[in-house]
Amino acid sequence: MNKIQILQTLKEIGLVPVLRAESVEKAMALATAIAAGGVTVLEVTMTVPGAIHVMRRLAEERPDILVGAGTVLDPETARTCILEGAKFVVSPAINLKTIEMCQRYSVPVLPGALTPTEIVTAWQAGADIIKVFPASALGGAKYLKSIKAPLPQIELIPTGGVSLDTASEFLDAGAFALGVGADLVDAKAMADGKPELVTETARKYLAIVKKFRQQTSE
């Protein structure tokens, strides 16, 4: 899958679940539950113990899942993740050398930014999509809409404050896709032995994205 195809998949699915877990096995179980609901995109954060191993296993065992690396803070980590199977790289902040490394490997890079200056800086440096984080801190969907008005050419993925209740608002505001955390990646449901709750939530998110796409295409 080339860079254009990866970006197209991110747009089509419309969701980037941010996976955080306490172990490799718990991360794999969460990934399986999310994918069962049809969400075949996943961001494995570097805060997961054994995160590199999780990416490697998913790349080998679940080729149907588009695996990305999250919380990547430096180019060396980005390169390691890419070599272990990550198809896109996400960061909570801007690191110009990380963007350069991802460009070298022709892998989509999604640095985090919040202010207009940060967003434009990341975009001009070569970022494919900007992760607006934490989106909820400055007003959520209203803030995203305010940013998109003067900068319609920059693709944005809001993360922080995205839930089933706010998903439609963020899409209406111009989100390229949605970064979803604990509202979907529900560690408690998994700990309680109820992976079906995660799967059902994934289906609900997909339904929201599908409905939005249908409405905007009419």
N, C-alpha and C. Protein backbone atom coordinates (compact mmCIF):
# COMPACT_ATOMS: atom_id res chain seq x y z
N MET A 1 0.85 -1.19 0.00
CA MET A 1 0.00 0.00 0.00
C MET A 1 0.89 1.25 0.00
N ASN A 2 0.70 2.12 -1.00
CA ASN A 2 1.52 3.32 -1.07
C ASN A 2 0.92 4.45 -0.24
N LYS A 3 1.61 5.58 -0.22
CA LYS A 3 1.21 6.70 0.62
C LYS A 3 -0.17 7.22 0.28
N ILE A 4 -0.47 7.35 -0.98
CA ILE A 4 -1.78 7.85 -1.40
C ILE A 4 -2.88 6.90 -0.95
N GLN A 5 -2.65 5.61 -1.09
CA GLN A 5 -3.64 4.61 -0.68
C GLN A 5 -3.86 4.62 0.83
N ILE A 6 -2.79 4.83 1.58
CA ILE A 6 -2.90 4.90 3.05
C ILE A 6 -3.75 6.09 3.46
N LEU A 7 -3.48 7.24 2.87
CA LEU A 7 -4.26 8.45 3.18
C LEU A 7 -5.72 8.27 2.79
N GLN A 8 -5.95 7.61 1.66
CA GLN A 8 -7.33 7.37 1.22
C GLN A 8 -8.06 6.44 2.19
N THR A 9 -7.36 5.44 2.69
CA THR A 9 -7.96 4.52 3.67
C THR A 9 -8.31 5.26 4.96
N LEU A 10 -7.42 6.12 5.41
CA LEU A 10 -7.69 6.91 6.61
C LEU A 10 -8.96 7.75 6.42
N LYS A 11 -9.10 8.33 5.25
CA LYS A 11 -10.28 9.15 4.98
C LYS A 11 -11.54 8.31 4.90
N GLU A 12 -11.45 7.16 4.23
CA GLU A 12 -12.63 6.30 4.06
C GLU A 12 -13.14 5.76 5.39
N ILE A 13 -12.23 5.25 6.20
CA ILE A 13 -12.63 4.74 7.52
C ILE A 13 -13.08 5.90 8.40
N GLY A 14 -12.36 7.00 8.33
CA GLY A 14 -12.76 8.20 9.05
C GLY A 14 -12.48 8.19 10.54
N LEU A 15 -11.77 7.18 11.00
CA LEU A 15 -11.49 7.04 12.43
C LEU A 15 -10.06 6.56 12.64
N VAL A 16 -9.43 7.13 13.66
CA VAL A 16 -8.10 6.66 14.06
C VAL A 16 -8.15 6.39 15.56
N PRO A 17 -8.50 5.16 15.97
CA PRO A 17 -8.51 4.82 17.40
C PRO A 17 -7.11 4.89 17.98
N VAL A 18 -6.98 5.55 19.11
CA VAL A 18 -5.69 5.70 19.77
C VAL A 18 -5.58 4.61 20.83
N LEU A 19 -4.79 3.60 20.53
CA LEU A 19 -4.72 2.43 21.39
C LEU A 19 -3.67 2.61 22.49
N ARG A 20 -4.16 2.54 23.73
CA ARG A 20 -3.28 2.52 24.90
C ARG A 20 -3.67 1.29 25.72
N ALA A 21 -2.68 0.53 26.14
CA ALA A 21 -2.95 -0.68 26.91
C ALA A 21 -1.76 -0.95 27.83
N GLU A 22 -1.97 -1.86 28.77
CA GLU A 22 -0.95 -2.14 29.79
C GLU A 22 0.02 -3.23 29.38
N SER A 23 -0.28 -3.94 28.29
CA SER A 23 0.61 -5.02 27.86
C SER A 23 0.37 -5.32 26.39
N VAL A 24 1.27 -6.12 25.83
CA VAL A 24 1.15 -6.51 24.43
C VAL A 24 -0.15 -7.29 24.20
N GLU A 25 -0.43 -8.25 25.08
CA GLU A 25 -1.62 -9.09 24.89
C GLU A 25 -2.91 -8.28 25.00
N LYS A 26 -2.95 -7.34 25.95
CA LYS A 26 -4.14 -6.50 26.09
C LYS A 26 -4.31 -5.60 24.88
N ALA A 27 -3.20 -5.14 24.33
CA ALA A 27 -3.25 -4.31 23.13
C ALA A 27 -3.77 -5.12 21.94
N MET A 28 -3.31 -6.35 21.82
CA MET A 28 -3.77 -7.21 20.73
C MET A 28 -5.26 -7.51 20.85
N ALA A 29 -5.71 -7.73 22.08
CA ALA A 29 -7.14 -8.02 22.30
C ALA A 29 -8.00 -6.81 21.95
N LEU A 30 -7.54 -5.62 22.31
CA LEU A 30 -8.26 -4.40 21.97
C LEU A 30 -8.31 -4.21 20.45
N ALA A 31 -7.19 -4.44 19.80
CA ALA A 31 -7.13 -4.30 18.35
C ALA A 31 -8.12 -5.23 17.67
N THR A 32 -8.20 -6.46 18.17
CA THR A 32 -9.12 -7.45 17.61
C THR A 32 -10.56 -7.02 17.80
N ALA A 33 -10.89 -6.51 18.98
CA ALA A 33 -12.26 -6.07 19.27
C ALA A 33 -12.66 -4.88 18.40
N ILE A 34 -11.74 -3.95 18.21
CA ILE A 34 -12.03 -2.77 17.38
C ILE A 34 -12.21 -3.17 15.93
N ALA A 35 -11.32 -4.01 15.42
CA ALA A 35 -11.40 -4.44 14.02
C ALA A 35 -12.67 -5.25 13.76
N ALA A 36 -13.13 -5.98 14.76
CA ALA A 36 -14.37 -6.76 14.60
C ALA A 36 -15.57 -5.86 14.33
N GLY A 37 -15.45 -4.60 14.75
CA GLY A 37 -16.52 -3.64 14.50
C GLY A 37 -16.38 -2.92 13.19
N GLY A 38 -15.36 -3.29 12.41
CA GLY A 38 -15.18 -2.70 11.09
C GLY A 38 -14.18 -1.57 11.02
N VAL A 39 -13.62 -1.17 12.15
CA VAL A 39 -12.63 -0.10 12.18
C VAL A 39 -11.26 -0.72 12.00
N THR A 40 -10.75 -0.69 10.79
CA THR A 40 -9.50 -1.37 10.48
C THR A 40 -8.32 -0.41 10.37
N VAL A 41 -8.36 0.65 11.16
CA VAL A 41 -7.25 1.58 11.32
C VAL A 41 -6.96 1.66 12.81
N LEU A 42 -5.68 1.70 13.17
CA LEU A 42 -5.32 1.70 14.58
C LEU A 42 -4.00 2.42 14.80
N GLU A 43 -3.97 3.28 15.80
CA GLU A 43 -2.74 3.97 16.19
C GLU A 43 -2.24 3.37 17.49
N VAL A 44 -1.12 2.68 17.44
CA VAL A 44 -0.52 2.08 18.63
C VAL A 44 0.46 3.08 19.22
N THR A 45 0.17 3.57 20.41
CA THR A 45 1.03 4.60 20.99
C THR A 45 2.29 3.99 21.58
N MET A 46 3.34 4.79 21.58
CA MET A 46 4.61 4.32 22.13
C MET A 46 4.57 4.21 23.65
N THR A 47 3.47 4.64 24.26
CA THR A 47 3.32 4.48 25.71
C THR A 47 2.88 3.07 26.09
N VAL A 48 2.50 2.27 25.10
CA VAL A 48 2.13 0.87 25.37
C VAL A 48 3.42 0.07 25.62
N PRO A 49 3.52 -0.63 26.73
CA PRO A 49 4.70 -1.48 26.96
C PRO A 49 4.83 -2.49 25.81
N GLY A 50 5.99 -2.51 25.18
CA GLY A 50 6.17 -3.43 24.05
C GLY A 50 5.47 -2.95 22.79
N ALA A 51 5.32 -1.64 22.63
CA ALA A 51 4.58 -1.08 21.49
C ALA A 51 5.13 -1.56 20.15
N ILE A 52 6.44 -1.62 20.03
CA ILE A 52 7.05 -2.06 18.78
C ILE A 52 6.65 -3.50 18.48
N HIS A 53 6.61 -4.33 19.52
CA HIS A 53 6.22 -5.72 19.34
C HIS A 53 4.76 -5.81 18.90
N VAL A 54 3.91 -4.94 19.45
CA VAL A 54 2.49 -4.93 19.05
C VAL A 54 2.38 -4.60 17.56
N MET A 55 3.11 -3.59 17.12
CA MET A 55 3.07 -3.21 15.70
C MET A 55 3.54 -4.35 14.81
N ARG A 56 4.62 -5.00 15.24
CA ARG A 56 5.16 -6.11 14.45
C ARG A 56 4.14 -7.25 14.35
N ARG A 57 3.53 -7.59 15.48
CA ARG A 57 2.55 -8.68 15.46
C ARG A 57 1.33 -8.34 14.62
N LEU A 58 0.85 -7.11 14.74
CA LEU A 58 -0.31 -6.71 13.95
C LEU A 58 0.03 -6.73 12.46
N ALA A 59 1.21 -6.25 12.12
CA ALA A 59 1.62 -6.25 10.71
C ALA A 59 1.69 -7.67 10.15
N GLU A 60 2.12 -8.60 11.00
CA GLU A 60 2.27 -9.99 10.55
C GLU A 60 0.95 -10.76 10.61
N GLU A 61 0.21 -10.58 11.70
CA GLU A 61 -0.98 -11.40 11.94
C GLU A 61 -2.28 -10.78 11.44
N ARG A 62 -2.32 -9.45 11.34
CA ARG A 62 -3.54 -8.77 10.91
C ARG A 62 -3.26 -7.78 9.77
N PRO A 63 -2.92 -8.30 8.60
CA PRO A 63 -2.64 -7.41 7.46
C PRO A 63 -3.85 -6.59 7.04
N ASP A 64 -5.02 -6.96 7.54
CA ASP A 64 -6.24 -6.21 7.21
C ASP A 64 -6.33 -4.90 7.99
N ILE A 65 -5.50 -4.76 9.04
CA ILE A 65 -5.53 -3.56 9.87
C ILE A 65 -4.41 -2.61 9.44
N LEU A 66 -4.77 -1.35 9.20
CA LEU A 66 -3.79 -0.33 8.87
C LEU A 66 -3.21 0.20 10.19
N VAL A 67 -1.99 -0.21 10.47
CA VAL A 67 -1.37 0.09 11.76
C VAL A 67 -0.49 1.32 11.69
N GLY A 68 -0.71 2.25 12.62
CA GLY A 68 0.13 3.43 12.72
C GLY A 68 0.82 3.47 14.07
N ALA A 69 1.88 4.27 14.14
CA ALA A 69 2.60 4.47 15.40
C ALA A 69 2.21 5.81 15.99
N GLY A 70 1.90 5.84 17.28
CA GLY A 70 1.49 7.07 17.94
C GLY A 70 2.46 7.50 19.02
N THR A 71 2.35 8.75 19.44
CA THR A 71 3.21 9.35 20.46
C THR A 71 4.69 9.20 20.07
N VAL A 72 4.97 9.41 18.79
CA VAL A 72 6.34 9.34 18.28
C VAL A 72 6.97 10.72 18.42
N LEU A 73 8.06 10.81 19.17
CA LEU A 73 8.64 12.10 19.53
C LEU A 73 9.94 12.43 18.82
N ASP A 74 10.52 11.46 18.10
CA ASP A 74 11.81 11.72 17.47
C ASP A 74 11.95 10.87 16.20
N PRO A 75 12.85 11.25 15.31
CA PRO A 75 13.00 10.54 14.04
C PRO A 75 13.49 9.11 14.18
N GLU A 76 14.31 8.85 15.20
CA GLU A 76 14.82 7.48 15.39
C GLU A 76 13.67 6.51 15.71
N THR A 77 12.76 6.97 16.57
CA THR A 77 11.60 6.13 16.90
C THR A 77 10.71 5.96 15.68
N ALA A 78 10.54 7.01 14.91
CA ALA A 78 9.71 6.93 13.70
C ALA A 78 10.27 5.87 12.75
N ARG A 79 11.57 5.91 12.54
CA ARG A 79 12.21 4.94 11.63
C ARG A 79 12.03 3.51 12.13
N THR A 80 12.23 3.30 13.41
CA THR A 80 12.06 1.95 13.98
C THR A 80 10.64 1.45 13.76
N CYS A 81 9.66 2.31 14.03
CA CYS A 81 8.26 1.92 13.87
C CYS A 81 7.94 1.58 12.42
N ILE A 82 8.45 2.40 11.51
CA ILE A 82 8.21 2.16 10.08
C ILE A 82 8.80 0.81 9.66
N LEU A 83 10.01 0.53 10.11
CA LEU A 83 10.66 -0.73 9.75
C LEU A 83 9.94 -1.94 10.35
N GLU A 84 9.20 -1.72 11.44
CA GLU A 84 8.47 -2.82 12.08
C GLU A 84 7.02 -2.93 11.60
N GLY A 85 6.65 -2.10 10.63
CA GLY A 85 5.33 -2.28 10.02
C GLY A 85 4.35 -1.13 10.12
N ALA A 86 4.72 -0.04 10.82
CA ALA A 86 3.81 1.10 10.92
C ALA A 86 3.64 1.75 9.56
N LYS A 87 2.39 2.01 9.18
CA LYS A 87 2.08 2.59 7.88
C LYS A 87 1.86 4.09 7.93
N PHE A 88 1.73 4.64 9.13
CA PHE A 88 1.68 6.08 9.30
C PHE A 88 2.20 6.41 10.70
N VAL A 89 2.63 7.65 10.88
CA VAL A 89 3.26 8.06 12.14
C VAL A 89 2.55 9.28 12.70
N VAL A 90 2.21 9.20 13.99
CA VAL A 90 1.47 10.28 14.66
C VAL A 90 2.26 10.77 15.86
N SER A 91 2.20 12.08 16.10
CA SER A 91 2.88 12.65 17.25
C SER A 91 1.97 13.67 17.93
N PRO A 92 2.13 13.89 19.23
CA PRO A 92 1.33 14.92 19.90
C PRO A 92 1.90 16.31 19.68
N ALA A 93 3.07 16.39 19.03
CA ALA A 93 3.74 17.68 18.85
C ALA A 93 4.48 17.69 17.51
N ILE A 94 5.10 18.84 17.21
CA ILE A 94 5.85 19.00 15.96
C ILE A 94 7.34 18.74 16.20
N ASN A 95 7.88 17.83 15.42
CA ASN A 95 9.32 17.61 15.40
C ASN A 95 9.71 17.57 13.93
N LEU A 96 10.41 18.58 13.47
CA LEU A 96 10.69 18.72 12.05
C LEU A 96 11.53 17.57 11.50
N LYS A 97 12.43 17.03 12.30
CA LYS A 97 13.25 15.91 11.84
C LYS A 97 12.43 14.63 11.70
N THR A 98 11.39 14.50 12.54
CA THR A 98 10.50 13.34 12.41
C THR A 98 9.72 13.44 11.11
N ILE A 99 9.24 14.63 10.78
CA ILE A 99 8.53 14.83 9.51
C ILE A 99 9.46 14.49 8.34
N GLU A 100 10.69 14.94 8.43
CA GLU A 100 11.68 14.67 7.37
C GLU A 100 11.93 13.17 7.23
N MET A 101 12.03 12.46 8.35
CA MET A 101 12.27 11.01 8.31
C MET A 101 11.11 10.30 7.62
N CYS A 102 9.89 10.67 7.95
CA CYS A 102 8.72 10.03 7.35
C CYS A 102 8.65 10.32 5.85
N GLN A 103 9.02 11.53 5.47
CA GLN A 103 9.07 11.86 4.04
C GLN A 103 10.09 10.98 3.32
N ARG A 104 11.20 10.72 3.98
CA ARG A 104 12.25 9.90 3.39
C ARG A 104 11.74 8.50 3.07
N TYR A 105 10.86 7.99 3.94
CA TYR A 105 10.30 6.65 3.74
C TYR A 105 8.95 6.68 3.04
N SER A 106 8.51 7.87 2.64
CA SER A 106 7.22 8.05 1.96
C SER A 106 6.07 7.47 2.78
N VAL A 107 6.12 7.78 4.09
CA VAL A 107 5.09 7.34 5.03
C VAL A 107 4.33 8.57 5.54
N PRO A 108 3.00 8.54 5.54
CA PRO A 108 2.23 9.68 6.03
C PRO A 108 2.59 10.03 7.47
N VAL A 109 2.73 11.33 7.73
CA VAL A 109 3.08 11.79 9.07
C VAL A 109 2.02 12.78 9.54
N LEU A 110 1.58 12.59 10.80
CA LEU A 110 0.50 13.38 11.37
C LEU A 110 0.98 14.00 12.69
N PRO A 111 1.72 15.11 12.62
CA PRO A 111 2.18 15.74 13.86
C PRO A 111 1.05 16.47 14.56
N GLY A 112 1.19 16.62 15.86
CA GLY A 112 0.19 17.33 16.65
C GLY A 112 0.46 18.82 16.68
N ALA A 113 -0.60 19.61 16.59
CA ALA A 113 -0.49 21.06 16.67
C ALA A 113 -1.83 21.59 17.17
N LEU A 114 -1.82 22.81 17.68
CA LEU A 114 -3.05 23.36 18.23
C LEU A 114 -3.36 24.76 17.70
N THR A 115 -2.39 25.64 17.71
CA THR A 115 -2.63 27.00 17.26
C THR A 115 -2.51 27.10 15.74
N PRO A 116 -3.06 28.17 15.13
CA PRO A 116 -2.91 28.35 13.69
C PRO A 116 -1.45 28.38 13.25
N THR A 117 -0.60 29.03 14.03
CA THR A 117 0.82 29.10 13.68
C THR A 117 1.46 27.71 13.68
N GLU A 118 1.16 26.91 14.70
CA GLU A 118 1.70 25.55 14.77
C GLU A 118 1.19 24.71 13.61
N ILE A 119 -0.08 24.83 13.31
CA ILE A 119 -0.69 24.04 12.24
C ILE A 119 -0.05 24.36 10.89
N VAL A 120 0.11 25.64 10.60
CA VAL A 120 0.71 26.05 9.34
C VAL A 120 2.19 25.65 9.29
N THR A 121 2.88 25.77 10.41
CA THR A 121 4.29 25.38 10.47
C THR A 121 4.46 23.90 10.12
N ALA A 122 3.63 23.05 10.72
CA ALA A 122 3.70 21.61 10.45
C ALA A 122 3.37 21.30 8.99
N TRP A 123 2.36 21.97 8.48
CA TRP A 123 1.94 21.75 7.09
C TRP A 123 3.03 22.17 6.12
N GLN A 124 3.64 23.34 6.35
CA GLN A 124 4.69 23.82 5.47
C GLN A 124 5.94 22.94 5.54
N ALA A 125 6.11 22.26 6.67
CA ALA A 125 7.27 21.37 6.82
C ALA A 125 7.06 20.04 6.10
N GLY A 126 5.83 19.79 5.64
CA GLY A 126 5.57 18.57 4.89
C GLY A 126 4.64 17.58 5.53
N ALA A 127 3.98 17.96 6.62
CA ALA A 127 3.02 17.06 7.27
C ALA A 127 1.86 16.78 6.32
N ASP A 128 1.40 15.54 6.29
CA ASP A 128 0.30 15.16 5.40
C ASP A 128 -1.05 15.57 6.00
N ILE A 129 -1.19 15.35 7.29
CA ILE A 129 -2.40 15.71 8.03
C ILE A 129 -1.94 16.25 9.37
N ILE A 130 -2.67 17.20 9.91
CA ILE A 130 -2.32 17.73 11.22
C ILE A 130 -3.28 17.17 12.26
N LYS A 131 -2.71 16.64 13.33
CA LYS A 131 -3.50 16.17 14.45
C LYS A 131 -3.74 17.37 15.38
N VAL A 132 -4.97 17.83 15.44
CA VAL A 132 -5.29 18.97 16.31
C VAL A 132 -5.52 18.42 17.71
N PHE A 133 -4.55 18.68 18.58
CA PHE A 133 -4.55 18.08 19.91
C PHE A 133 -4.02 19.05 20.95
N PRO A 134 -4.70 19.12 22.11
CA PRO A 134 -6.01 18.52 22.42
C PRO A 134 -7.15 19.41 21.93
N ALA A 135 -7.95 18.88 21.04
CA ALA A 135 -9.00 19.67 20.38
C ALA A 135 -10.01 20.25 21.36
N SER A 136 -10.28 19.51 22.43
CA SER A 136 -11.30 19.96 23.38
C SER A 136 -10.85 21.17 24.19
N ALA A 137 -9.54 21.40 24.26
CA ALA A 137 -9.01 22.47 25.11
C ALA A 137 -9.39 23.86 24.64
N LEU A 138 -9.61 24.00 23.32
CA LEU A 138 -9.94 25.32 22.78
C LEU A 138 -11.33 25.39 22.15
N GLY A 139 -12.21 24.50 22.57
CA GLY A 139 -13.59 24.62 22.10
C GLY A 139 -14.10 23.51 21.20
N GLY A 140 -13.30 22.47 21.00
CA GLY A 140 -13.77 21.32 20.24
C GLY A 140 -14.10 21.62 18.79
N ALA A 141 -15.27 21.20 18.36
CA ALA A 141 -15.68 21.32 16.96
C ALA A 141 -15.74 22.78 16.51
N LYS A 142 -16.15 23.68 17.39
CA LYS A 142 -16.22 25.10 17.04
C LYS A 142 -14.83 25.64 16.70
N TYR A 143 -13.85 25.19 17.45
CA TYR A 143 -12.48 25.63 17.20
C TYR A 143 -11.98 25.08 15.86
N LEU A 144 -12.28 23.82 15.60
CA LEU A 144 -11.85 23.20 14.35
C LEU A 144 -12.46 23.95 13.16
N LYS A 145 -13.72 24.28 13.26
CA LYS A 145 -14.40 25.01 12.18
C LYS A 145 -13.75 26.38 11.97
N SER A 146 -13.36 27.03 13.06
CA SER A 146 -12.71 28.33 12.97
C SER A 146 -11.36 28.22 12.26
N ILE A 147 -10.65 27.12 12.49
CA ILE A 147 -9.35 26.90 11.85
C ILE A 147 -9.53 26.59 10.36
N LYS A 148 -10.51 25.77 10.03
CA LYS A 148 -10.72 25.36 8.65
C LYS A 148 -11.16 26.53 7.76
N ALA A 149 -11.81 27.53 8.33
CA ALA A 149 -12.30 28.65 7.53
C ALA A 149 -11.18 29.33 6.74
N PRO A 150 -10.07 29.74 7.39
CA PRO A 150 -8.98 30.36 6.62
C PRO A 150 -7.99 29.36 6.04
N LEU A 151 -8.06 28.10 6.50
CA LEU A 151 -7.08 27.09 6.07
C LEU A 151 -7.76 25.83 5.53
N PRO A 152 -8.64 25.97 4.53
CA PRO A 152 -9.38 24.81 4.04
C PRO A 152 -8.50 23.76 3.37
N GLN A 153 -7.30 24.17 2.94
CA GLN A 153 -6.41 23.25 2.23
C GLN A 153 -5.64 22.32 3.15
N ILE A 154 -5.69 22.57 4.46
CA ILE A 154 -4.95 21.74 5.42
C ILE A 154 -5.90 20.71 6.04
N GLU A 155 -5.55 19.44 5.92
CA GLU A 155 -6.38 18.37 6.47
C GLU A 155 -6.11 18.23 7.97
N LEU A 156 -7.19 18.13 8.73
CA LEU A 156 -7.07 18.10 10.19
C LEU A 156 -7.78 16.88 10.78
N ILE A 157 -7.14 16.27 11.77
CA ILE A 157 -7.76 15.19 12.53
C ILE A 157 -7.83 15.62 14.00
N PRO A 158 -9.01 15.97 14.49
CA PRO A 158 -9.12 16.35 15.90
C PRO A 158 -8.99 15.14 16.81
N THR A 159 -8.26 15.32 17.89
CA THR A 159 -8.11 14.28 18.90
C THR A 159 -8.22 14.94 20.27
N GLY A 160 -8.99 14.33 21.13
CA GLY A 160 -9.26 14.93 22.44
C GLY A 160 -10.65 15.55 22.41
N GLY A 161 -11.57 14.93 23.13
CA GLY A 161 -12.93 15.44 23.14
C GLY A 161 -13.84 14.81 22.11
N VAL A 162 -13.32 13.85 21.33
CA VAL A 162 -14.16 13.16 20.34
C VAL A 162 -14.89 12.01 21.02
N SER A 163 -16.21 12.00 20.86
CA SER A 163 -17.04 10.94 21.44
C SER A 163 -18.19 10.66 20.47
N LEU A 164 -19.01 9.69 20.81
CA LEU A 164 -20.18 9.41 19.98
C LEU A 164 -21.10 10.63 19.92
N ASP A 165 -21.12 11.41 20.98
CA ASP A 165 -21.98 12.58 21.03
C ASP A 165 -21.45 13.75 20.20
N THR A 166 -20.11 13.83 20.06
CA THR A 166 -19.52 14.97 19.36
C THR A 166 -18.99 14.64 17.96
N ALA A 167 -18.97 13.37 17.59
CA ALA A 167 -18.38 12.94 16.33
C ALA A 167 -18.97 13.68 15.12
N SER A 168 -20.27 13.77 15.07
CA SER A 168 -20.93 14.44 13.93
C SER A 168 -20.55 15.91 13.86
N GLU A 169 -20.43 16.56 15.02
CA GLU A 169 -20.07 17.97 15.06
C GLU A 169 -18.66 18.18 14.49
N PHE A 170 -17.75 17.30 14.83
CA PHE A 170 -16.38 17.42 14.32
C PHE A 170 -16.34 17.19 12.81
N LEU A 171 -17.11 16.23 12.33
CA LEU A 171 -17.16 15.97 10.89
C LEU A 171 -17.76 17.16 10.16
N ASP A 172 -18.82 17.71 10.71
CA ASP A 172 -19.46 18.90 10.12
C ASP A 172 -18.48 20.09 10.08
N ALA A 173 -17.58 20.12 11.06
CA ALA A 173 -16.63 21.23 11.16
C ALA A 173 -15.49 21.11 10.15
N GLY A 174 -15.42 19.97 9.47
CA GLY A 174 -14.40 19.80 8.43
C GLY A 174 -13.30 18.81 8.74
N ALA A 175 -13.49 17.97 9.75
CA ALA A 175 -12.46 16.99 10.10
C ALA A 175 -12.22 16.00 8.95
N PHE A 176 -10.95 15.73 8.68
CA PHE A 176 -10.57 14.72 7.68
C PHE A 176 -10.95 13.34 8.19
N ALA A 177 -10.71 13.13 9.47
CA ALA A 177 -11.06 11.90 10.18
C ALA A 177 -11.06 12.25 11.66
N LEU A 178 -11.39 11.28 12.51
CA LEU A 178 -11.51 11.53 13.94
C LEU A 178 -10.52 10.69 14.73
N GLY A 179 -9.75 11.33 15.60
CA GLY A 179 -8.89 10.60 16.52
C GLY A 179 -9.70 10.28 17.77
N VAL A 180 -9.88 9.00 18.04
CA VAL A 180 -10.77 8.58 19.13
C VAL A 180 -9.97 7.85 20.20
N GLY A 181 -10.16 8.26 21.44
CA GLY A 181 -9.45 7.65 22.55
C GLY A 181 -10.31 6.68 23.35
N ALA A 182 -10.40 6.93 24.65
CA ALA A 182 -11.03 6.00 25.58
C ALA A 182 -12.51 5.75 25.30
N ASP A 183 -13.17 6.67 24.61
CA ASP A 183 -14.59 6.45 24.31
C ASP A 183 -14.79 5.20 23.45
N LEU A 184 -13.78 4.86 22.64
CA LEU A 184 -13.83 3.64 21.83
C LEU A 184 -12.88 2.59 22.37
N VAL A 185 -11.66 3.01 22.67
CA VAL A 185 -10.64 2.07 23.15
C VAL A 185 -10.85 1.88 24.65
N ASP A 186 -11.88 1.11 24.97
CA ASP A 186 -12.38 0.99 26.34
C ASP A 186 -11.67 -0.14 27.10
N ALA A 187 -10.64 0.22 27.83
CA ALA A 187 -9.87 -0.78 28.57
C ALA A 187 -10.71 -1.44 29.66
N LYS A 188 -11.64 -0.69 30.25
CA LYS A 188 -12.49 -1.24 31.31
C LYS A 188 -13.39 -2.35 30.78
N ALA A 189 -13.96 -2.13 29.62
CA ALA A 189 -14.81 -3.15 29.02
C ALA A 189 -14.02 -4.43 28.77
N MET A 190 -12.77 -4.26 28.32
CA MET A 190 -11.93 -5.43 28.08
C MET A 190 -11.59 -6.11 29.39
N ALA A 191 -11.29 -5.33 30.43
CA ALA A 191 -10.94 -5.89 31.74
C ALA A 191 -12.12 -6.64 32.34
N ASP A 192 -13.32 -6.18 32.02
CA ASP A 192 -14.54 -6.83 32.51
C ASP A 192 -14.95 -8.02 31.66
N GLY A 193 -14.13 -8.34 30.65
CA GLY A 193 -14.44 -9.48 29.79
C GLY A 193 -15.58 -9.21 28.83
N LYS A 194 -15.71 -7.95 28.39
CA LYS A 194 -16.81 -7.59 27.49
C LYS A 194 -16.28 -6.91 26.22
N PRO A 195 -15.49 -7.61 25.42
CA PRO A 195 -14.96 -7.01 24.19
C PRO A 195 -16.06 -6.62 23.21
N GLU A 196 -17.22 -7.26 23.36
CA GLU A 196 -18.33 -6.94 22.45
C GLU A 196 -18.79 -5.49 22.59
N LEU A 197 -18.55 -4.90 23.76
CA LEU A 197 -18.92 -3.49 23.95
C LEU A 197 -18.03 -2.59 23.10
N VAL A 198 -16.75 -2.93 23.02
CA VAL A 198 -15.82 -2.18 22.17
C VAL A 198 -16.21 -2.35 20.71
N THR A 199 -16.53 -3.56 20.32
CA THR A 199 -16.92 -3.85 18.94
C THR A 199 -18.17 -3.07 18.56
N GLU A 200 -19.14 -3.03 19.45
CA GLU A 200 -20.38 -2.30 19.17
C GLU A 200 -20.14 -0.81 19.06
N THR A 201 -19.28 -0.27 19.92
CA THR A 201 -18.96 1.16 19.84
C THR A 201 -18.27 1.48 18.52
N ALA A 202 -17.40 0.60 18.06
CA ALA A 202 -16.73 0.79 16.77
C ALA A 202 -17.76 0.85 15.65
N ARG A 203 -18.75 -0.02 15.70
CA ARG A 203 -19.82 -0.02 14.69
C ARG A 203 -20.60 1.29 14.72
N LYS A 204 -20.86 1.80 15.92
CA LYS A 204 -21.60 3.05 16.05
C LYS A 204 -20.82 4.22 15.44
N TYR A 205 -19.53 4.26 15.69
CA TYR A 205 -18.70 5.32 15.10
C TYR A 205 -18.71 5.23 13.57
N LEU A 206 -18.55 4.02 13.05
CA LEU A 206 -18.57 3.85 11.60
C LEU A 206 -19.89 4.29 11.00
N ALA A 207 -20.98 4.02 11.70
CA ALA A 207 -22.30 4.41 11.21
C ALA A 207 -22.41 5.94 11.13
N ILE A 208 -21.84 6.63 12.10
CA ILE A 208 -21.86 8.09 12.10
C ILE A 208 -21.08 8.63 10.90
N VAL A 209 -19.90 8.06 10.67
CA VAL A 209 -19.07 8.48 9.53
C VAL A 209 -19.79 8.21 8.22
N LYS A 210 -20.37 7.03 8.10
CA LYS A 210 -21.07 6.64 6.87
C LYS A 210 -22.25 7.57 6.60
N LYS A 211 -23.00 7.87 7.64
CA LYS A 211 -24.16 8.77 7.47
C LYS A 211 -23.71 10.15 7.02
N PHE A 212 -22.62 10.64 7.60
CA PHE A 212 -22.10 11.96 7.23
C PHE A 212 -21.66 11.96 5.77
N ARG A 213 -20.93 10.92 5.36
CA ARG A 213 -20.46 10.83 3.97
C ARG A 213 -21.64 10.81 3.00
N GLN A 214 -22.69 10.08 3.34
CA GLN A 214 -23.86 10.00 2.46
C GLN A 214 -24.54 11.36 2.34
N GLN A 215 -24.67 12.04 3.47
CA GLN A 215 -25.34 13.34 3.46
C GLN A 215 -24.56 14.38 2.64
N THR A 216 -23.24 14.35 2.75
CA THR A 216 -22.43 15.34 2.05
C THR A 216 -22.28 15.04 0.56
N SER A 217 -22.54 13.80 0.18
CA SER A 217 -22.42 13.43 -1.23
C SER A 217 -23.72 13.64 -2.01
N GLU A 218 -24.80 13.90 -1.27
CA GLU A 218 -26.11 14.10 -1.91
C GLU A 218 -26.22 15.49 -2.54
